[in-house]
PDB file of all heavy atoms in Angstrom:
ATOM      1  N   VAL A   1       2.006   2.193   6.094  1.00  0.00           N
ATOM      2  CA  VAL A   1       1.056   1.970   5.019  1.00  0.00           C
ATOM      3  C   VAL A   1       1.764   2.342   3.724  1.00  0.00           C
ATOM      4  O   VAL A   1       2.245   3.474   3.587  1.00  0.00           O
ATOM      5  CB  VAL A   1      -0.214   2.816   5.190  1.00  0.00           C
ATOM      6  CG1 VAL A   1      -1.185   2.559   4.037  1.00  0.00           C
ATOM      7  CG2 VAL A   1      -0.872   2.514   6.531  1.00  0.00           C
ATOM      8  N   VAL A   2       1.833   1.413   2.800  1.00  0.00           N
ATOM      9  CA  VAL A   2       2.579   1.632   1.566  1.00  0.00           C
ATOM     10  C   VAL A   2       1.691   1.343   0.368  1.00  0.00           C
ATOM     11  O   VAL A   2       1.109   0.261   0.265  1.00  0.00           O
ATOM     12  CB  VAL A   2       3.833   0.734   1.515  1.00  0.00           C
ATOM     13  CG1 VAL A   2       4.590   0.973   0.207  1.00  0.00           C
ATOM     14  CG2 VAL A   2       4.729   1.010   2.715  1.00  0.00           C
ATOM     15  N   GLU A   3       1.588   2.339  -0.516  1.00  0.00           N
ATOM     16  CA  GLU A   3       0.842   2.159  -1.755  1.00  0.00           C
ATOM     17  C   GLU A   3       1.806   1.875  -2.899  1.00  0.00           C
ATOM     18  O   GLU A   3       2.964   2.298  -2.869  1.00  0.00           O
ATOM     19  CB  GLU A   3       0.037   3.413  -2.115  1.00  0.00           C
ATOM     20  CG  GLU A   3      -0.936   3.897  -1.082  1.00  0.00           C
ATOM     21  CD  GLU A   3      -0.363   5.061  -0.302  1.00  0.00           C
ATOM     22  OE1 GLU A   3       0.872   5.179  -0.255  1.00  0.00           O
ATOM     23  OE2 GLU A   3      -1.147   5.856   0.260  1.00  0.00           O
ATOM     24  N   SER A   4       1.293   1.206  -3.913  1.00  0.00           N
ATOM     25  CA  SER A   4       2.067   0.978  -5.125  1.00  0.00           C
ATOM     26  C   SER A   4       1.115   0.828  -6.294  1.00  0.00           C
ATOM     27  O   SER A   4      -0.091   0.644  -6.100  1.00  0.00           O
ATOM     28  CB  SER A   4       2.938  -0.278  -4.985  1.00  0.00           C
ATOM     29  OG  SER A   4       2.138  -1.417  -4.756  1.00  0.00           O
ATOM     30  N   GLY A   5       1.662   0.946  -7.503  1.00  0.00           N
ATOM     31  CA  GLY A   5       0.875   0.672  -8.685  1.00  0.00           C
ATOM     32  C   GLY A   5       0.459   1.877  -9.500  1.00  0.00           C
ATOM     33  O   GLY A   5      -0.193   1.731 -10.530  1.00  0.00           O
ATOM     34  N   GLY A   6       0.796   3.064  -9.050  1.00  0.00           N
ATOM     35  CA  GLY A   6       0.440   4.232  -9.830  1.00  0.00           C
ATOM     36  C   GLY A   6       1.259   4.330 -11.105  1.00  0.00           C
ATOM     37  O   GLY A   6       2.168   3.545 -11.346  1.00  0.00           O
ATOM     38  N   GLY A   7       0.911   5.305 -11.930  1.00  0.00           N
ATOM     39  CA  GLY A   7       1.661   5.502 -13.166  1.00  0.00           C
ATOM     40  C   GLY A   7       0.893   6.336 -14.161  1.00  0.00           C
ATOM     41  O   GLY A   7      -0.090   6.986 -13.821  1.00  0.00           O
ATOM     42  N   LEU A   8       1.367   6.292 -15.391  1.00  0.00           N
ATOM     43  CA  LEU A   8       0.767   7.037 -16.496  1.00  0.00           C
ATOM     44  C   LEU A   8       0.007   6.077 -17.390  1.00  0.00           C
ATOM     45  O   LEU A   8       0.545   5.028 -17.781  1.00  0.00           O
ATOM     46  CB  LEU A   8       1.865   7.750 -17.283  1.00  0.00           C
ATOM     47  CG  LEU A   8       1.450   8.464 -18.574  1.00  0.00           C
ATOM     48  CD1 LEU A   8       0.509   9.614 -18.261  1.00  0.00           C
ATOM     49  CD2 LEU A   8       2.691   8.952 -19.326  1.00  0.00           C
ATOM     50  N   VAL A   9      -1.216   6.428 -17.722  1.00  0.00           N
ATOM     51  CA  VAL A   9      -2.046   5.569 -18.557  1.00  0.00           C
ATOM     52  C   VAL A   9      -2.897   6.444 -19.469  1.00  0.00           C
ATOM     53  O   VAL A   9      -3.225   7.586 -19.109  1.00  0.00           O
ATOM     54  CB  VAL A   9      -2.924   4.650 -17.681  1.00  0.00           C
ATOM     55  CG1 VAL A   9      -3.914   5.455 -16.867  1.00  0.00           C
ATOM     56  CG2 VAL A   9      -3.622   3.585 -18.503  1.00  0.00           C
ATOM     57  N   GLN A  10      -3.247   5.926 -20.624  1.00  0.00           N
ATOM     58  CA  GLN A  10      -4.123   6.661 -21.530  1.00  0.00           C
ATOM     59  C   GLN A  10      -5.570   6.547 -21.070  1.00  0.00           C
ATOM     60  O   GLN A  10      -5.956   5.580 -20.400  1.00  0.00           O
ATOM     61  CB  GLN A  10      -3.991   6.104 -22.947  1.00  0.00           C
ATOM     62  CG  GLN A  10      -2.679   6.452 -23.625  1.00  0.00           C
ATOM     63  CD  GLN A  10      -2.663   6.055 -25.084  1.00  0.00           C
ATOM     64  OE1 GLN A  10      -3.357   5.131 -25.485  1.00  0.00           O
ATOM     65  NE2 GLN A  10      -1.866   6.752 -25.874  1.00  0.00           N
ATOM     66  N   ALA A  11      -6.341   7.529 -21.438  1.00  0.00           N
ATOM     67  CA  ALA A  11      -7.763   7.503 -21.123  1.00  0.00           C
ATOM     68  C   ALA A  11      -8.391   6.220 -21.653  1.00  0.00           C
ATOM     69  O   ALA A  11      -8.092   5.789 -22.770  1.00  0.00           O
ATOM     70  CB  ALA A  11      -8.456   8.724 -21.719  1.00  0.00           C
ATOM     71  N   GLY A  12      -9.243   5.629 -20.825  1.00  0.00           N
ATOM     72  CA  GLY A  12      -9.856   4.357 -21.172  1.00  0.00           C
ATOM     73  C   GLY A  12      -9.095   3.161 -20.664  1.00  0.00           C
ATOM     74  O   GLY A  12      -9.614   2.030 -20.684  1.00  0.00           O
ATOM     75  N   GLY A  13      -7.892   3.377 -20.199  1.00  0.00           N
ATOM     76  CA  GLY A  13      -7.055   2.296 -19.716  1.00  0.00           C
ATOM     77  C   GLY A  13      -7.340   1.910 -18.279  1.00  0.00           C
ATOM     78  O   GLY A  13      -8.290   2.424 -17.656  1.00  0.00           O
ATOM     79  N   SER A  14      -6.512   1.019 -17.759  1.00  0.00           N
ATOM     80  CA  SER A  14      -6.696   0.490 -16.418  1.00  0.00           C
ATOM     81  C   SER A  14      -5.399   0.543 -15.620  1.00  0.00           C
ATOM     82  O   SER A  14      -4.301   0.475 -16.186  1.00  0.00           O
ATOM     83  CB  SER A  14      -7.166  -0.968 -16.483  1.00  0.00           C
ATOM     84  OG  SER A  14      -8.402  -1.094 -17.138  1.00  0.00           O
ATOM     85  N   LEU A  15      -5.562   0.661 -14.319  1.00  0.00           N
ATOM     86  CA  LEU A  15      -4.455   0.550 -13.378  1.00  0.00           C
ATOM     87  C   LEU A  15      -4.967  -0.160 -12.141  1.00  0.00           C
ATOM     88  O   LEU A  15      -6.154  -0.073 -11.808  1.00  0.00           O
ATOM     89  CB  LEU A  15      -3.912   1.919 -12.965  1.00  0.00           C
ATOM     90  CG  LEU A  15      -2.964   2.644 -13.910  1.00  0.00           C
ATOM     91  CD1 LEU A  15      -2.644   4.035 -13.349  1.00  0.00           C
ATOM     92  CD2 LEU A  15      -1.684   1.864 -14.127  1.00  0.00           C
ATOM     93  N   ARG A  16      -4.054  -0.825 -11.448  1.00  0.00           N
ATOM     94  CA  ARG A  16      -4.407  -1.474 -10.187  1.00  0.00           C
ATOM     95  C   ARG A  16      -3.465  -0.955  -9.115  1.00  0.00           C
ATOM     96  O   ARG A  16      -2.251  -1.116  -9.221  1.00  0.00           O
ATOM     97  CB  ARG A  16      -4.287  -2.987 -10.305  1.00  0.00           C
ATOM     98  CG  ARG A  16      -4.828  -3.750  -9.101  1.00  0.00           C
ATOM     99  CD  ARG A  16      -4.768  -5.245  -9.337  1.00  0.00           C
ATOM    100  NE  ARG A  16      -5.410  -6.022  -8.288  1.00  0.00           N
ATOM    101  CZ  ARG A  16      -6.698  -6.357  -8.301  1.00  0.00           C
ATOM    102  NH1 ARG A  16      -7.471  -5.998  -9.318  1.00  0.00           N
ATOM    103  NH2 ARG A  16      -7.217  -7.068  -7.316  1.00  0.00           N
ATOM    104  N   LEU A  17      -4.035  -0.315  -8.110  1.00  0.00           N
ATOM    105  CA  LEU A  17      -3.268   0.174  -6.983  1.00  0.00           C
ATOM    106  C   LEU A  17      -3.314  -0.857  -5.857  1.00  0.00           C
ATOM    107  O   LEU A  17      -4.334  -1.524  -5.658  1.00  0.00           O
ATOM    108  CB  LEU A  17      -3.828   1.491  -6.473  1.00  0.00           C
ATOM    109  CG  LEU A  17      -3.961   2.618  -7.495  1.00  0.00           C
ATOM    110  CD1 LEU A  17      -4.474   3.887  -6.813  1.00  0.00           C
ATOM    111  CD2 LEU A  17      -2.647   2.884  -8.203  1.00  0.00           C
ATOM    112  N   SER A  18      -2.212  -0.949  -5.136  1.00  0.00           N
ATOM    113  CA  SER A  18      -2.146  -1.869  -4.000  1.00  0.00           C
ATOM    114  C   SER A  18      -1.748  -1.112  -2.746  1.00  0.00           C
ATOM    115  O   SER A  18      -1.050  -0.100  -2.810  1.00  0.00           O
ATOM    116  CB  SER A  18      -1.141  -2.983  -4.277  1.00  0.00           C
ATOM    117  OG  SER A  18      -1.569  -3.794  -5.352  1.00  0.00           O
ATOM    118  N   CYS A  19      -2.200  -1.637  -1.626  1.00  0.00           N
ATOM    119  CA  CYS A  19      -1.914  -1.039  -0.322  1.00  0.00           C
ATOM    120  C   CYS A  19      -1.528  -2.156   0.637  1.00  0.00           C
ATOM    121  O   CYS A  19      -2.201  -3.192   0.694  1.00  0.00           O
ATOM    122  CB  CYS A  19      -3.142  -0.309   0.189  1.00  0.00           C
ATOM    123  SG  CYS A  19      -2.989   0.347   1.864  1.00  0.00           S
ATOM    124  N   ALA A  20      -0.455  -1.941   1.375  1.00  0.00           N
ATOM    125  CA  ALA A  20      -0.016  -2.922   2.360  1.00  0.00           C
ATOM    126  C   ALA A  20       0.212  -2.212   3.684  1.00  0.00           C
ATOM    127  O   ALA A  20       0.944  -1.220   3.734  1.00  0.00           O
ATOM    128  CB  ALA A  20       1.261  -3.612   1.899  1.00  0.00           C
ATOM    129  N   ALA A  21      -0.408  -2.727   4.726  1.00  0.00           N
ATOM    130  CA  ALA A  21      -0.272  -2.154   6.062  1.00  0.00           C
ATOM    131  C   ALA A  21       0.467  -3.130   6.965  1.00  0.00           C
ATOM    132  O   ALA A  21       0.224  -4.344   6.916  1.00  0.00           O
ATOM    133  CB  ALA A  21      -1.641  -1.830   6.641  1.00  0.00           C
ATOM    134  N   SER A  22       1.349  -2.583   7.780  1.00  0.00           N
ATOM    135  CA  SER A  22       2.085  -3.425   8.715  1.00  0.00           C
ATOM    136  C   SER A  22       2.336  -2.664  10.005  1.00  0.00           C
ATOM    137  O   SER A  22       2.338  -1.429  10.013  1.00  0.00           O
ATOM    138  CB  SER A  22       3.419  -3.860   8.100  1.00  0.00           C
ATOM    139  OG  SER A  22       4.216  -2.741   7.786  1.00  0.00           O
ATOM    140  N   GLY A  23       2.528  -3.399  11.083  1.00  0.00           N
ATOM    141  CA  GLY A  23       2.814  -2.757  12.358  1.00  0.00           C
ATOM    142  C   GLY A  23       2.048  -3.371  13.511  1.00  0.00           C
ATOM    143  O   GLY A  23       1.460  -4.438  13.378  1.00  0.00           O
ATOM    144  N   SER A  24       2.045  -2.651  14.619  1.00  0.00           N
ATOM    145  CA  SER A  24       1.497  -3.192  15.872  1.00  0.00           C
ATOM    146  C   SER A  24       0.019  -2.876  16.033  1.00  0.00           C
ATOM    147  O   SER A  24      -0.391  -2.218  16.984  1.00  0.00           O
ATOM    148  CB  SER A  24       2.295  -2.638  17.053  1.00  0.00           C
ATOM    149  OG  SER A  24       3.646  -2.992  16.950  1.00  0.00           O
ATOM    150  N   PHE A  25      -0.772  -3.327  15.127  1.00  0.00           N
ATOM    151  CA  PHE A  25      -2.218  -3.219  15.262  1.00  0.00           C
ATOM    152  C   PHE A  25      -2.805  -4.619  15.232  1.00  0.00           C
ATOM    153  O   PHE A  25      -2.180  -5.555  14.731  1.00  0.00           O
ATOM    154  CB  PHE A  25      -2.822  -2.345  14.165  1.00  0.00           C
ATOM    155  CG  PHE A  25      -2.513  -2.803  12.765  1.00  0.00           C
ATOM    156  CD1 PHE A  25      -3.302  -3.746  12.132  1.00  0.00           C
ATOM    157  CD2 PHE A  25      -1.427  -2.277  12.071  1.00  0.00           C
ATOM    158  CE1 PHE A  25      -3.012  -4.175  10.854  1.00  0.00           C
ATOM    159  CE2 PHE A  25      -1.137  -2.693  10.786  1.00  0.00           C
ATOM    160  CZ  PHE A  25      -1.922  -3.648  10.179  1.00  0.00           C
ATOM    161  N   PHE A  26      -4.019  -4.737  15.775  1.00  0.00           N
ATOM    162  CA  PHE A  26      -4.665  -6.041  15.823  1.00  0.00           C
ATOM    163  C   PHE A  26      -5.565  -6.267  14.629  1.00  0.00           C
ATOM    164  O   PHE A  26      -5.653  -7.381  14.108  1.00  0.00           O
ATOM    165  CB  PHE A  26      -5.473  -6.164  17.125  1.00  0.00           C
ATOM    166  CG  PHE A  26      -6.210  -7.455  17.262  1.00  0.00           C
ATOM    167  CD1 PHE A  26      -5.537  -8.626  17.532  1.00  0.00           C
ATOM    168  CD2 PHE A  26      -7.591  -7.505  17.111  1.00  0.00           C
ATOM    169  CE1 PHE A  26      -6.216  -9.830  17.651  1.00  0.00           C
ATOM    170  CE2 PHE A  26      -8.278  -8.703  17.228  1.00  0.00           C
ATOM    171  CZ  PHE A  26      -7.591  -9.863  17.502  1.00  0.00           C
ATOM    172  N   SER A  27      -6.228  -5.208  14.186  1.00  0.00           N
ATOM    173  CA  SER A  27      -7.184  -5.377  13.100  1.00  0.00           C
ATOM    174  C   SER A  27      -7.353  -4.077  12.326  1.00  0.00           C
ATOM    175  O   SER A  27      -7.088  -2.990  12.848  1.00  0.00           O
ATOM    176  CB  SER A  27      -8.543  -5.829  13.643  1.00  0.00           C
ATOM    177  OG  SER A  27      -9.076  -4.841  14.499  1.00  0.00           O
ATOM    178  N   ILE A  28      -7.776  -4.213  11.087  1.00  0.00           N
ATOM    179  CA  ILE A  28      -8.131  -3.067  10.244  1.00  0.00           C
ATOM    180  C   ILE A  28      -9.638  -3.074  10.085  1.00  0.00           C
ATOM    181  O   ILE A  28     -10.211  -4.002   9.519  1.00  0.00           O
ATOM    182  CB  ILE A  28      -7.447  -3.141   8.874  1.00  0.00           C
ATOM    183  CG1 ILE A  28      -5.929  -3.073   9.043  1.00  0.00           C
ATOM    184  CG2 ILE A  28      -7.931  -2.004   7.982  1.00  0.00           C
ATOM    185  CD1 ILE A  28      -5.162  -3.248   7.740  1.00  0.00           C
ATOM    186  N   ASN A  29     -10.277  -2.053  10.599  1.00  0.00           N
ATOM    187  CA  ASN A  29     -11.731  -1.977  10.509  1.00  0.00           C
ATOM    188  C   ASN A  29     -12.187  -1.627   9.099  1.00  0.00           C
ATOM    189  O   ASN A  29     -13.056  -2.269   8.530  1.00  0.00           O
ATOM    190  CB  ASN A  29     -12.263  -0.951  11.504  1.00  0.00           C
ATOM    191  CG  ASN A  29     -11.866  -1.292  12.921  1.00  0.00           C
ATOM    192  OD1 ASN A  29     -11.954  -2.426  13.357  1.00  0.00           O
ATOM    193  ND2 ASN A  29     -11.404  -0.288  13.651  1.00  0.00           N
ATOM    194  N   ALA A  30     -11.574  -0.616   8.543  1.00  0.00           N
ATOM    195  CA  ALA A  30     -11.917  -0.192   7.194  1.00  0.00           C
ATOM    196  C   ALA A  30     -10.649   0.200   6.458  1.00  0.00           C
ATOM    197  O   ALA A  30      -9.700   0.715   7.050  1.00  0.00           O
ATOM    198  CB  ALA A  30     -12.877   0.986   7.214  1.00  0.00           C
ATOM    199  N   MET A  31     -10.646  -0.092   5.193  1.00  0.00           N
ATOM    200  CA  MET A  31      -9.558   0.340   4.321  1.00  0.00           C
ATOM    201  C   MET A  31     -10.162   1.287   3.298  1.00  0.00           C
ATOM    202  O   MET A  31     -11.201   0.974   2.692  1.00  0.00           O
ATOM    203  CB  MET A  31      -8.901  -0.848   3.647  1.00  0.00           C
ATOM    204  CG  MET A  31      -7.714  -0.501   2.785  1.00  0.00           C
ATOM    205  SD  MET A  31      -6.856  -1.974   2.183  1.00  0.00           S
ATOM    206  CE  MET A  31      -5.967  -2.484   3.661  1.00  0.00           C
ATOM    207  N   ASN A  32      -9.556   2.449   3.148  1.00  0.00           N
ATOM    208  CA  ASN A  32     -10.107   3.493   2.305  1.00  0.00           C
ATOM    209  C   ASN A  32      -9.079   3.952   1.280  1.00  0.00           C
ATOM    210  O   ASN A  32      -7.880   3.991   1.575  1.00  0.00           O
ATOM    211  CB  ASN A  32     -10.491   4.709   3.161  1.00  0.00           C
ATOM    212  CG  ASN A  32     -11.313   4.332   4.364  1.00  0.00           C
ATOM    213  OD1 ASN A  32     -12.438   3.873   4.246  1.00  0.00           O
ATOM    214  ND2 ASN A  32     -10.742   4.514   5.554  1.00  0.00           N
ATOM    215  N   TRP A  33      -9.572   4.338   0.132  1.00  0.00           N
ATOM    216  CA  TRP A  33      -8.739   5.005  -0.865  1.00  0.00           C
ATOM    217  C   TRP A  33      -9.261   6.419  -1.045  1.00  0.00           C
ATOM    218  O   TRP A  33     -10.464   6.617  -1.249  1.00  0.00           O
ATOM    219  CB  TRP A  33      -8.779   4.267  -2.191  1.00  0.00           C
ATOM    220  CG  TRP A  33      -7.989   3.010  -2.193  1.00  0.00           C
ATOM    221  CD1 TRP A  33      -8.450   1.740  -1.955  1.00  0.00           C
ATOM    222  CD2 TRP A  33      -6.588   2.873  -2.457  1.00  0.00           C
ATOM    223  NE1 TRP A  33      -7.424   0.833  -2.041  1.00  0.00           N
ATOM    224  CE2 TRP A  33      -6.266   1.509  -2.352  1.00  0.00           C
ATOM    225  CE3 TRP A  33      -5.564   3.774  -2.756  1.00  0.00           C
ATOM    226  CZ2 TRP A  33      -4.984   1.018  -2.547  1.00  0.00           C
ATOM    227  CZ3 TRP A  33      -4.286   3.291  -2.953  1.00  0.00           C
ATOM    228  CH2 TRP A  33      -3.998   1.926  -2.851  1.00  0.00           C
ATOM    229  N   TYR A  34      -8.357   7.364  -0.932  1.00  0.00           N
ATOM    230  CA  TYR A  34      -8.642   8.768  -1.177  1.00  0.00           C
ATOM    231  C   TYR A  34      -7.806   9.221  -2.376  1.00  0.00           C
ATOM    232  O   TYR A  34      -6.828   8.571  -2.760  1.00  0.00           O
ATOM    233  CB  TYR A  34      -8.250   9.622   0.032  1.00  0.00           C
ATOM    234  CG  TYR A  34      -9.147   9.523   1.226  1.00  0.00           C
ATOM    235  CD1 TYR A  34      -9.093   8.422   2.080  1.00  0.00           C
ATOM    236  CD2 TYR A  34     -10.038  10.546   1.540  1.00  0.00           C
ATOM    237  CE1 TYR A  34      -9.902   8.336   3.197  1.00  0.00           C
ATOM    238  CE2 TYR A  34     -10.854  10.480   2.664  1.00  0.00           C
ATOM    239  CZ  TYR A  34     -10.776   9.378   3.488  1.00  0.00           C
ATOM    240  OH  TYR A  34     -11.586   9.301   4.592  1.00  0.00           O
ATOM    241  N   ARG A  35      -8.185  10.351  -2.919  1.00  0.00           N
ATOM    242  CA  ARG A  35      -7.354  10.961  -3.949  1.00  0.00           C
ATOM    243  C   ARG A  35      -7.389  12.470  -3.793  1.00  0.00           C
ATOM    244  O   ARG A  35      -8.347  13.034  -3.282  1.00  0.00           O
ATOM    245  CB  ARG A  35      -7.793  10.552  -5.344  1.00  0.00           C
ATOM    246  CG  ARG A  35      -9.146  11.092  -5.773  1.00  0.00           C
ATOM    247  CD  ARG A  35      -9.527  10.512  -7.136  1.00  0.00           C
ATOM    248  NE  ARG A  35     -10.817  11.009  -7.602  1.00  0.00           N
ATOM    249  CZ  ARG A  35     -11.443  10.560  -8.681  1.00  0.00           C
ATOM    250  NH1 ARG A  35     -10.889   9.582  -9.415  1.00  0.00           N
ATOM    251  NH2 ARG A  35     -12.598  11.062  -9.040  1.00  0.00           N
ATOM    252  N   GLN A  36      -6.312  13.078  -4.253  1.00  0.00           N
ATOM    253  CA  GLN A  36      -6.219  14.536  -4.220  1.00  0.00           C
ATOM    254  C   GLN A  36      -5.624  15.023  -5.528  1.00  0.00           C
ATOM    255  O   GLN A  36      -4.452  14.751  -5.821  1.00  0.00           O
ATOM    256  CB  GLN A  36      -5.379  15.007  -3.031  1.00  0.00           C
ATOM    257  CG  GLN A  36      -5.388  16.505  -2.851  1.00  0.00           C
ATOM    258  CD  GLN A  36      -4.835  16.929  -1.506  1.00  0.00           C
ATOM    259  OE1 GLN A  36      -4.129  16.178  -0.835  1.00  0.00           O
ATOM    260  NE2 GLN A  36      -5.163  18.144  -1.086  1.00  0.00           N
ATOM    261  N   ALA A  37      -6.435  15.709  -6.280  1.00  0.00           N
ATOM    262  CA  ALA A  37      -5.967  16.310  -7.526  1.00  0.00           C
ATOM    263  C   ALA A  37      -5.324  17.652  -7.211  1.00  0.00           C
ATOM    264  O   ALA A  37      -5.613  18.270  -6.178  1.00  0.00           O
ATOM    265  CB  ALA A  37      -7.128  16.483  -8.488  1.00  0.00           C
ATOM    266  N   SER A  38      -4.487  18.111  -8.098  1.00  0.00           N
ATOM    267  CA  SER A  38      -3.775  19.358  -7.889  1.00  0.00           C
ATOM    268  C   SER A  38      -4.757  20.505  -7.693  1.00  0.00           C
ATOM    269  O   SER A  38      -5.670  20.699  -8.506  1.00  0.00           O
ATOM    270  CB  SER A  38      -2.874  19.642  -9.094  1.00  0.00           C
ATOM    271  OG  SER A  38      -2.174  20.850  -8.925  1.00  0.00           O
ATOM    272  N   GLY A  39      -4.600  21.228  -6.607  1.00  0.00           N
ATOM    273  CA  GLY A  39      -5.440  22.377  -6.332  1.00  0.00           C
ATOM    274  C   GLY A  39      -6.799  22.048  -5.758  1.00  0.00           C
ATOM    275  O   GLY A  39      -7.628  22.947  -5.578  1.00  0.00           O
ATOM    276  N   LYS A  40      -7.044  20.782  -5.472  1.00  0.00           N
ATOM    277  CA  LYS A  40      -8.353  20.370  -4.950  1.00  0.00           C
ATOM    278  C   LYS A  40      -8.200  19.695  -3.596  1.00  0.00           C
ATOM    279  O   LYS A  40      -7.115  19.290  -3.199  1.00  0.00           O
ATOM    280  CB  LYS A  40      -9.038  19.435  -5.937  1.00  0.00           C
ATOM    281  CG  LYS A  40      -9.389  20.087  -7.269  1.00  0.00           C
ATOM    282  CD  LYS A  40     -10.228  19.166  -8.129  1.00  0.00           C
ATOM    283  CE  LYS A  40     -10.640  19.840  -9.420  1.00  0.00           C
ATOM    284  NZ  LYS A  40     -11.491  18.958 -10.265  1.00  0.00           N
ATOM    285  N   GLN A  41      -9.322  19.573  -2.900  1.00  0.00           N
ATOM    286  CA  GLN A  41      -9.322  18.892  -1.614  1.00  0.00           C
ATOM    287  C   GLN A  41      -9.246  17.377  -1.795  1.00  0.00           C
ATOM    288  O   GLN A  41      -9.663  16.841  -2.829  1.00  0.00           O
ATOM    289  CB  GLN A  41     -10.596  19.252  -0.834  1.00  0.00           C
ATOM    290  CG  GLN A  41     -10.632  20.679  -0.328  1.00  0.00           C
ATOM    291  CD  GLN A  41     -11.808  20.938   0.601  1.00  0.00           C
ATOM    292  OE1 GLN A  41     -12.861  20.333   0.457  1.00  0.00           O
ATOM    293  NE2 GLN A  41     -11.624  21.819   1.563  1.00  0.00           N
ATOM    294  N   ARG A  42      -8.717  16.727  -0.788  1.00  0.00           N
ATOM    295  CA  ARG A  42      -8.673  15.273  -0.807  1.00  0.00           C
ATOM    296  C   ARG A  42     -10.102  14.730  -0.718  1.00  0.00           C
ATOM    297  O   ARG A  42     -10.914  15.221   0.079  1.00  0.00           O
ATOM    298  CB  ARG A  42      -7.838  14.751   0.365  1.00  0.00           C
ATOM    299  CG  ARG A  42      -7.488  13.286   0.293  1.00  0.00           C
ATOM    300  CD  ARG A  42      -6.480  12.905   1.367  1.00  0.00           C
ATOM    301  NE  ARG A  42      -5.198  13.596   1.171  1.00  0.00           N
ATOM    302  CZ  ARG A  42      -4.098  13.302   1.878  1.00  0.00           C
ATOM    303  NH1 ARG A  42      -4.127  12.333   2.780  1.00  0.00           N
ATOM    304  NH2 ARG A  42      -2.993  13.975   1.659  1.00  0.00           N
TER     305      ARG A  42
END
């Protein structure tokens, strides 16, 4: 699973993150995005 698209942006701006999954699976039931800020839980 590989993410891309992060970076530095000013408040009010936009970013688009992408995720690509590959391997020996048949299907993806759900795709989720999580985040973890410094010192906080995911």
